[in-house]
PDB file of N, CA and C in Angstrom:
ATOM      1  N   MET A   1       0.838  -1.180   0.000  1.00  0.00           N
ATOM      2  CA  MET A   1       0.000   0.000   0.000  1.00  0.00           C
ATOM      3  C   MET A   1       0.887   1.249   0.000  1.00  0.00           C
ATOM      4  N   ALA A   2       0.606   2.172  -0.899  1.00  0.00           N
ATOM      5  CA  ALA A   2       1.411   3.385  -1.028  1.00  0.00           C
ATOM      6  C   ALA A   2       1.166   4.320   0.153  1.00  0.00           C
ATOM      7  N   PRO A   3       2.210   5.016   0.591  1.00  0.00           N
ATOM      8  CA  PRO A   3       2.029   6.001   1.653  1.00  0.00           C
ATOM      9  C   PRO A   3       1.013   7.064   1.228  1.00  0.00           C
ATOM     10  N   LEU A   4       0.328   7.618   2.207  1.00  0.00           N
ATOM     11  CA  LEU A   4      -0.716   8.610   1.959  1.00  0.00           C
ATOM     12  C   LEU A   4      -0.204   9.772   1.120  1.00  0.00           C
ATOM     13  N   HIS A   5       1.006  10.225   1.412  1.00  0.00           N
ATOM     14  CA  HIS A   5       1.494  11.397   0.684  1.00  0.00           C
ATOM     15  C   HIS A   5       1.700  11.118  -0.804  1.00  0.00           C
ATOM     16  N   GLU A   6       1.934   9.873  -1.167  1.00  0.00           N
ATOM     17  CA  GLU A   6       2.125   9.560  -2.586  1.00  0.00           C
ATOM     18  C   GLU A   6       0.824   9.698  -3.373  1.00  0.00           C
ATOM     19  N   LYS A   7      -0.314   9.618  -2.687  1.00  0.00           N
ATOM     20  CA  LYS A   7      -1.604   9.765  -3.350  1.00  0.00           C
ATOM     21  C   LYS A   7      -2.044  11.224  -3.436  1.00  0.00           C
ATOM     22  N   LEU A   8      -1.664  12.035  -2.471  1.00  0.00           N
ATOM     23  CA  LEU A   8      -2.227  13.381  -2.355  1.00  0.00           C
ATOM     24  C   LEU A   8      -1.266  14.520  -2.663  1.00  0.00           C
ATOM     25  N   ILE A   9       0.023  14.273  -2.624  1.00  0.00           N
ATOM     26  CA  ILE A   9       1.007  15.336  -2.853  1.00  0.00           C
ATOM     27  C   ILE A   9       1.476  15.263  -4.303  1.00  0.00           C
ATOM     28  N   THR A  10       1.391  16.390  -4.992  1.00  0.00           N
ATOM     29  CA  THR A  10       1.786  16.459  -6.398  1.00  0.00           C
ATOM     30  C   THR A  10       2.913  17.468  -6.577  1.00  0.00           C
ATOM     31  N   ILE A  11       3.749  17.218  -7.562  1.00  0.00           N
ATOM     32  CA  ILE A  11       4.825  18.149  -7.895  1.00  0.00           C
ATOM     33  C   ILE A  11       4.733  18.432  -9.391  1.00  0.00           C
ATOM     34  N   GLU A  12       4.483  19.704  -9.711  1.00  0.00           N
ATOM     35  CA  GLU A  12       4.384  20.133 -11.099  1.00  0.00           C
ATOM     36  C   GLU A  12       5.397  21.256 -11.310  1.00  0.00           C
ATOM     37  N   PRO A  13       6.319  21.097 -12.259  1.00  0.00           N
ATOM     38  CA  PRO A  13       7.383  22.085 -12.446  1.00  0.00           C
ATOM     39  C   PRO A  13       6.891  23.529 -12.593  1.00  0.00           C
ATOM     40  N   GLY A  14       5.758  23.759 -13.234  1.00  0.00           N
ATOM     41  CA  GLY A  14       5.287  25.120 -13.463  1.00  0.00           C
ATOM     42  C   GLY A  14       4.420  25.693 -12.366  1.00  0.00           C
ATOM     43  N   LYS A  15       4.173  24.936 -11.318  1.00  0.00           N
ATOM     44  CA  LYS A  15       3.288  25.392 -10.251  1.00  0.00           C
ATOM     45  C   LYS A  15       4.069  25.591  -8.967  1.00  0.00           C
ATOM     46  N   ARG A  16       3.995  26.802  -8.428  1.00  0.00           N
ATOM     47  CA  ARG A  16       4.653  27.154  -7.158  1.00  0.00           C
ATOM     48  C   ARG A  16       6.141  26.771  -7.164  1.00  0.00           C
ATOM     49  N   GLY A  17       6.767  26.968  -8.317  1.00  0.00           N
ATOM     50  CA  GLY A  17       8.196  26.715  -8.434  1.00  0.00           C
ATOM     51  C   GLY A  17       8.578  25.255  -8.285  1.00  0.00           C
ATOM     52  N   GLY A  18       7.643  24.355  -8.561  1.00  0.00           N
ATOM     53  CA  GLY A  18       7.939  22.932  -8.455  1.00  0.00           C
ATOM     54  C   GLY A  18       7.885  22.385  -7.045  1.00  0.00           C
ATOM     55  N   LYS A  19       7.405  23.201  -6.099  1.00  0.00           N
ATOM     56  CA  LYS A  19       7.281  22.724  -4.714  1.00  0.00           C
ATOM     57  C   LYS A  19       6.137  21.715  -4.623  1.00  0.00           C
ATOM     58  N   PRO A  20       6.233  20.787  -3.681  1.00  0.00           N
ATOM     59  CA  PRO A  20       5.156  19.810  -3.526  1.00  0.00           C
ATOM     60  C   PRO A  20       3.874  20.490  -3.055  1.00  0.00           C
ATOM     61  N   CYS A  21       2.782  20.228  -3.765  1.00  0.00           N
ATOM     62  CA  CYS A  21       1.480  20.829  -3.475  1.00  0.00           C
ATOM     63  C   CYS A  21       0.482  19.746  -3.094  1.00  0.00           C
ATOM     64  N   ILE A  22      -0.616  20.182  -2.513  1.00  0.00           N
ATOM     65  CA  ILE A  22      -1.669  19.261  -2.107  1.00  0.00           C
ATOM     66  C   ILE A  22      -2.680  19.116  -3.241  1.00  0.00           C
ATOM     67  N   ARG A  23      -2.847  17.903  -3.708  1.00  0.00           N
ATOM     68  CA  ARG A  23      -3.829  17.546  -4.741  1.00  0.00           C
ATOM     69  C   ARG A  23      -3.836  18.506  -5.930  1.00  0.00           C
ATOM     70  N   GLY A  24      -2.677  18.975  -6.337  1.00  0.00           N
ATOM     71  CA  GLY A  24      -2.585  19.835  -7.513  1.00  0.00           C
ATOM     72  C   GLY A  24      -3.021  21.271  -7.278  1.00  0.00           C
ATOM     73  N   MET A  25      -3.398  21.597  -6.052  1.00  0.00           N
ATOM     74  CA  MET A  25      -3.796  22.973  -5.734  1.00  0.00           C
ATOM     75  C   MET A  25      -2.541  23.826  -5.552  1.00  0.00           C
ATOM     76  N   ARG A  26      -2.738  25.089  -5.274  1.00  0.00           N
ATOM     77  CA  ARG A  26      -1.607  25.993  -5.135  1.00  0.00           C
ATOM     78  C   ARG A  26      -1.110  26.120  -3.692  1.00  0.00           C
ATOM     79  N   ILE A  27      -1.637  25.346  -2.778  1.00  0.00           N
ATOM     80  CA  ILE A  27      -1.145  25.353  -1.405  1.00  0.00           C
ATOM     81  C   ILE A  27      -0.088  24.254  -1.276  1.00  0.00           C
ATOM     82  N   THR A  28       1.067  24.636  -0.743  1.00  0.00           N
ATOM     83  CA  THR A  28       2.178  23.690  -0.679  1.00  0.00           C
ATOM     84  C   THR A  28       2.223  22.956   0.657  1.00  0.00           C
ATOM     85  N   VAL A  29       2.958  21.865   0.638  1.00  0.00           N
ATOM     86  CA  VAL A  29       3.228  21.126   1.869  1.00  0.00           C
ATOM     87  C   VAL A  29       3.886  22.064   2.874  1.00  0.00           C
ATOM     88  N   TYR A  30       4.804  22.891   2.389  1.00  0.00           N
ATOM     89  CA  TYR A  30       5.527  23.796   3.270  1.00  0.00           C
ATOM     90  C   TYR A  30       4.599  24.817   3.910  1.00  0.00           C
ATOM     91  N   ASP A  31       3.577  25.275   3.184  1.00  0.00           N
ATOM     92  CA  ASP A  31       2.599  26.201   3.759  1.00  0.00           C
ATOM     93  C   ASP A  31       1.926  25.550   4.967  1.00  0.00           C
ATOM     94  N   VAL A  32       1.444  24.332   4.779  1.00  0.00           N
ATOM     95  CA  VAL A  32       0.734  23.639   5.855  1.00  0.00           C
ATOM     96  C   VAL A  32       1.663  23.376   7.035  1.00  0.00           C
ATOM     97  N   LEU A  33       2.882  22.941   6.759  1.00  0.00           N
ATOM     98  CA  LEU A  33       3.826  22.682   7.847  1.00  0.00           C
ATOM     99  C   LEU A  33       4.157  23.966   8.605  1.00  0.00           C
ATOM    100  N   GLU A  34       4.249  25.078   7.894  1.00  0.00           N
ATOM    101  CA  GLU A  34       4.509  26.361   8.545  1.00  0.00           C
ATOM    102  C   GLU A  34       3.347  26.755   9.454  1.00  0.00           C
ATOM    103  N   TYR A  35       2.112  26.543   8.992  1.00  0.00           N
ATOM    104  CA  TYR A  35       0.947  26.849   9.831  1.00  0.00           C
ATOM    105  C   TYR A  35       0.972  26.002  11.097  1.00  0.00           C
ATOM    106  N   LEU A  36       1.267  24.722  10.950  1.00  0.00           N
ATOM    107  CA  LEU A  36       1.323  23.848  12.123  1.00  0.00           C
ATOM    108  C   LEU A  36       2.438  24.264  13.074  1.00  0.00           C
ATOM    109  N   SER A  37       3.599  24.589  12.536  1.00  0.00           N
ATOM    110  CA  SER A  37       4.731  24.940  13.397  1.00  0.00           C
ATOM    111  C   SER A  37       4.542  26.290  14.079  1.00  0.00           C
ATOM    112  N   SER A  38       3.681  27.138  13.506  1.00  0.00           N
ATOM    113  CA  SER A  38       3.426  28.437  14.139  1.00  0.00           C
ATOM    114  C   SER A  38       2.371  28.332  15.231  1.00  0.00           C
ATOM    115  N   GLY A  39       1.810  27.120  15.408  1.00  0.00           N
ATOM    116  CA  GLY A  39       0.876  26.901  16.496  1.00  0.00           C
ATOM    117  C   GLY A  39      -0.580  26.743  16.088  1.00  0.00           C
ATOM    118  N   MET A  40      -0.864  26.820  14.798  1.00  0.00           N
ATOM    119  CA  MET A  40      -2.242  26.596  14.365  1.00  0.00           C
ATOM    120  C   MET A  40      -2.603  25.130  14.563  1.00  0.00           C
ATOM    121  N   SER A  41      -3.829  24.883  14.980  1.00  0.00           N
ATOM    122  CA  SER A  41      -4.298  23.511  15.112  1.00  0.00           C
ATOM    123  C   SER A  41      -4.814  23.028  13.761  1.00  0.00           C
ATOM    124  N   GLN A  42      -4.989  21.725  13.640  1.00  0.00           N
ATOM    125  CA  GLN A  42      -5.565  21.191  12.395  1.00  0.00           C
ATOM    126  C   GLN A  42      -6.938  21.811  12.155  1.00  0.00           C
ATOM    127  N   GLY A  43      -7.716  21.945  13.212  1.00  0.00           N
ATOM    128  CA  GLY A  43      -9.047  22.526  13.082  1.00  0.00           C
ATOM    129  C   GLY A  43      -9.011  23.953  12.562  1.00  0.00           C
ATOM    130  N   GLU A  44      -8.060  24.743  13.047  1.00  0.00           N
ATOM    131  CA  GLU A  44      -7.930  26.125  12.573  1.00  0.00           C
ATOM    132  C   GLU A  44      -7.546  26.167  11.099  1.00  0.00           C
ATOM    133  N   ILE A  45      -6.642  25.291  10.706  1.00  0.00           N
ATOM    134  CA  ILE A  45      -6.234  25.240   9.296  1.00  0.00           C
ATOM    135  C   ILE A  45      -7.430  24.848   8.428  1.00  0.00           C
ATOM    136  N   LEU A  46      -8.176  23.856   8.865  1.00  0.00           N
ATOM    137  CA  LEU A  46      -9.335  23.407   8.093  1.00  0.00           C
ATOM    138  C   LEU A  46     -10.413  24.485   8.034  1.00  0.00           C
ATOM    139  N   ASP A  47     -10.556  25.269   9.097  1.00  0.00           N
ATOM    140  CA  ASP A  47     -11.511  26.385   9.082  1.00  0.00           C
ATOM    141  C   ASP A  47     -11.075  27.464   8.106  1.00  0.00           C
ATOM    142  N   ASP A  48      -9.764  27.770   8.101  1.00  0.00           N
ATOM    143  CA  ASP A  48      -9.240  28.820   7.223  1.00  0.00           C
ATOM    144  C   ASP A  48      -9.170  28.393   5.754  1.00  0.00           C
ATOM    145  N   PHE A  49      -9.014  27.104   5.523  1.00  0.00           N
ATOM    146  CA  PHE A  49      -8.876  26.567   4.165  1.00  0.00           C
ATOM    147  C   PHE A  49      -9.877  25.420   3.993  1.00  0.00           C
ATOM    148  N   PRO A  50     -11.154  25.744   3.765  1.00  0.00           N
ATOM    149  CA  PRO A  50     -12.189  24.705   3.746  1.00  0.00           C
ATOM    150  C   PRO A  50     -12.036  23.668   2.628  1.00  0.00           C
ATOM    151  N   TYR A  51     -11.198  23.937   1.642  1.00  0.00           N
ATOM    152  CA  TYR A  51     -10.974  22.971   0.570  1.00  0.00           C
ATOM    153  C   TYR A  51      -9.953  21.911   0.968  1.00  0.00           C
ATOM    154  N   LEU A  52      -9.296  22.079   2.117  1.00  0.00           N
ATOM    155  CA  LEU A  52      -8.376  21.061   2.626  1.00  0.00           C
ATOM    156  C   LEU A  52      -9.130  20.078   3.506  1.00  0.00           C
ATOM    157  N   THR A  53      -8.563  18.895   3.638  1.00  0.00           N
ATOM    158  CA  THR A  53      -9.149  17.873   4.511  1.00  0.00           C
ATOM    159  C   THR A  53      -8.105  17.473   5.555  1.00  0.00           C
ATOM    160  N   ALA A  54      -8.573  16.802   6.585  1.00  0.00           N
ATOM    161  CA  ALA A  54      -7.648  16.280   7.598  1.00  0.00           C
ATOM    162  C   ALA A  54      -6.657  15.320   6.950  1.00  0.00           C
ATOM    163  N   GLU A  55      -7.107  14.582   5.950  1.00  0.00           N
ATOM    164  CA  GLU A  55      -6.231  13.650   5.234  1.00  0.00           C
ATOM    165  C   GLU A  55      -5.119  14.414   4.497  1.00  0.00           C
ATOM    166  N   ASP A  56      -5.433  15.596   3.967  1.00  0.00           N
ATOM    167  CA  ASP A  56      -4.413  16.421   3.311  1.00  0.00           C
ATOM    168  C   ASP A  56      -3.318  16.819   4.299  1.00  0.00           C
ATOM    169  N   ILE A  57      -3.737  17.222   5.492  1.00  0.00           N
ATOM    170  CA  ILE A  57      -2.764  17.627   6.513  1.00  0.00           C
ATOM    171  C   ILE A  57      -1.903  16.440   6.917  1.00  0.00           C
ATOM    172  N   GLN A  58      -2.520  15.288   7.080  1.00  0.00           N
ATOM    173  CA  GLN A  58      -1.763  14.078   7.416  1.00  0.00           C
ATOM    174  C   GLN A  58      -0.779  13.729   6.302  1.00  0.00           C
ATOM    175  N   ALA A  59      -1.181  13.934   5.055  1.00  0.00           N
ATOM    176  CA  ALA A  59      -0.282  13.656   3.925  1.00  0.00           C
ATOM    177  C   ALA A  59       0.928  14.582   3.966  1.00  0.00           C
ATOM    178  N   CYS A  60       0.731  15.831   4.379  1.00  0.00           N
ATOM    179  CA  CYS A  60       1.868  16.769   4.502  1.00  0.00           C
ATOM    180  C   CYS A  60       2.847  16.273   5.561  1.00  0.00           C
ATOM    181  N   LEU A  61       2.328  15.816   6.675  1.00  0.00           N
ATOM    182  CA  LEU A  61       3.192  15.296   7.737  1.00  0.00           C
ATOM    183  C   LEU A  61       3.911  14.035   7.271  1.00  0.00           C
ATOM    184  N   SER A  62       3.204  13.190   6.560  1.00  0.00           N
ATOM    185  CA  SER A  62       3.808  11.961   6.025  1.00  0.00           C
ATOM    186  C   SER A  62       4.917  12.298   5.022  1.00  0.00           C
ATOM    187  N   PHE A  63       4.673  13.281   4.164  1.00  0.00           N
ATOM    188  CA  PHE A  63       5.669  13.710   3.193  1.00  0.00           C
ATOM    189  C   PHE A  63       6.919  14.224   3.901  1.00  0.00           C
ATOM    190  N   ALA A  64       6.716  15.046   4.938  1.00  0.00           N
ATOM    191  CA  ALA A  64       7.847  15.598   5.688  1.00  0.00           C
ATOM    192  C   ALA A  64       8.658  14.502   6.379  1.00  0.00           C
ATOM    193  N   ALA A  65       7.964  13.502   6.890  1.00  0.00           N
ATOM    194  CA  ALA A  65       8.648  12.409   7.584  1.00  0.00           C
ATOM    195  C   ALA A  65       9.440  11.531   6.622  1.00  0.00           C
ATOM    196  N   ALA A  66       8.967  11.445   5.402  1.00  0.00           N
ATOM    197  CA  ALA A  66       9.644  10.597   4.414  1.00  0.00           C
ATOM    198  C   ALA A  66      10.890  11.286   3.928  1.00  0.00           C
TER     199      ALA A  66
END
């Protein structure tokens, strides 16, 4: 079974400078990790970005760990 981040994290050379993004959107893994490290909770991130899911946030953490 593929890790979660392999299903949800995309890298496109012309989008956001080739940084890893969530499901092809313009929000990067690094954006989400920065929000978490600044003290935002998952709930706050999901409230601020309703197009994200808890699974997206978990995929960012999985990507960072890999």
